[in-house]
Amino acid sequence: MPQMAPLSWLLLFMFFTTMMILFNVMNYYLFVPNIKNDKSNTNRQIKTSHWKW
């Protein structure tokens, strides 16, 4: 089986590393969250539980 030169391994490593970084950066900046600014969220009552031990 033929062996690859070390330079080829280095180029493959750099290629896949840049692809991974590019993929992660694009996912981070292209993600648009659905934020609903609703007035009902500010008037929400907190339910407290009274524990009976």
C-alpha atoms as a PDB file:
ATOM      1  CA  MET A   1       0.000   0.000   0.000  1.00  0.00           C
ATOM      2  CA  PRO A   2       1.511   3.390  -0.924  1.00  0.00           C
ATOM      3  CA  GLN A   3       2.286   5.858   1.801  1.00  0.00           C
ATOM      4  CA  MET A   4       1.358   9.522   1.735  1.00  0.00           C
ATOM      5  CA  ALA A   5       3.979  12.197   2.101  1.00  0.00           C
ATOM      6  CA  PRO A   6       3.853  14.197   5.359  1.00  0.00           C
ATOM      7  CA  LEU A   7       3.092  17.342   3.374  1.00  0.00           C
ATOM      8  CA  SER A   8      -0.090  15.761   2.042  1.00  0.00           C
ATOM      9  CA  TRP A   9      -1.206  14.890   5.584  1.00  0.00           C
ATOM     10  CA  LEU A  10      -0.561  18.463   6.638  1.00  0.00           C
ATOM     11  CA  LEU A  11      -2.554  19.838   3.705  1.00  0.00           C
ATOM     12  CA  LEU A  12      -5.432  17.457   4.450  1.00  0.00           C
ATOM     13  CA  PHE A  13      -5.404  18.474   8.103  1.00  0.00           C
ATOM     14  CA  MET A  14      -5.413  22.179   7.223  1.00  0.00           C
ATOM     15  CA  PHE A  15      -8.171  21.670   4.649  1.00  0.00           C
ATOM     16  CA  PHE A  16     -10.508  19.839   7.037  1.00  0.00           C
ATOM     17  CA  THR A  17      -9.712  22.247   9.860  1.00  0.00           C
ATOM     18  CA  THR A  18     -10.589  25.268   7.723  1.00  0.00           C
ATOM     19  CA  MET A  19     -13.754  23.538   6.491  1.00  0.00           C
ATOM     20  CA  MET A  20     -14.817  22.821  10.079  1.00  0.00           C
ATOM     21  CA  ILE A  21     -14.123  26.400  11.174  1.00  0.00           C
ATOM     22  CA  LEU A  22     -15.927  27.800   8.128  1.00  0.00           C
ATOM     23  CA  PHE A  23     -18.917  25.533   8.734  1.00  0.00           C
ATOM     24  CA  ASN A  24     -19.142  26.523  12.407  1.00  0.00           C
ATOM     25  CA  VAL A  25     -18.785  30.250  11.681  1.00  0.00           C
ATOM     26  CA  MET A  26     -21.471  30.119   8.995  1.00  0.00           C
ATOM     27  CA  ASN A  27     -23.839  28.239  11.310  1.00  0.00           C
ATOM     28  CA  TYR A  28     -23.205  30.769  14.068  1.00  0.00           C
ATOM     29  CA  TYR A  29     -23.813  33.874  11.959  1.00  0.00           C
ATOM     30  CA  LEU A  30     -26.664  32.528   9.807  1.00  0.00           C
ATOM     31  CA  PHE A  31     -28.741  31.361  12.770  1.00  0.00           C
ATOM     32  CA  VAL A  32     -31.705  33.678  13.350  1.00  0.00           C
ATOM     33  CA  PRO A  33     -33.462  33.056  16.665  1.00  0.00           C
ATOM     34  CA  ASN A  34     -37.195  33.594  16.981  1.00  0.00           C
ATOM     35  CA  ILE A  35     -37.457  36.129  19.786  1.00  0.00           C
ATOM     36  CA  LYS A  36     -40.986  37.143  20.589  1.00  0.00           C
ATOM     37  CA  ASN A  37     -41.244  40.442  22.416  1.00  0.00           C
ATOM     38  CA  ASP A  38     -44.575  39.851  24.008  1.00  0.00           C
ATOM     39  CA  LYS A  39     -46.007  42.028  26.747  1.00  0.00           C
ATOM     40  CA  SER A  40     -47.592  39.018  28.432  1.00  0.00           C
ATOM     41  CA  ASN A  41     -44.188  37.685  29.455  1.00  0.00           C
ATOM     42  CA  THR A  42     -43.571  40.610  31.805  1.00  0.00           C
ATOM     43  CA  ASN A  43     -46.916  40.164  33.562  1.00  0.00           C
ATOM     44  CA  ARG A  44     -46.484  36.458  34.169  1.00  0.00           C
ATOM     45  CA  GLN A  45     -47.122  35.392  37.725  1.00  0.00           C
ATOM     46  CA  ILE A  46     -44.695  33.100  39.457  1.00  0.00           C
ATOM     47  CA  LYS A  47     -46.338  30.058  40.976  1.00  0.00           C
ATOM     48  CA  THR A  48     -44.847  29.103  44.281  1.00  0.00           C
ATOM     49  CA  SER A  49     -45.119  25.636  45.693  1.00  0.00           C
ATOM     50  CA  HIS A  50     -45.588  25.064  49.384  1.00  0.00           C
ATOM     51  CA  TRP A  51     -43.951  21.806  50.252  1.00  0.00           C
ATOM     52  CA  LYS A  52     -45.463  19.719  53.000  1.00  0.00           C
ATOM     53  CA  TRP A  53     -42.804  17.481  54.430  1.00  0.00           C
END
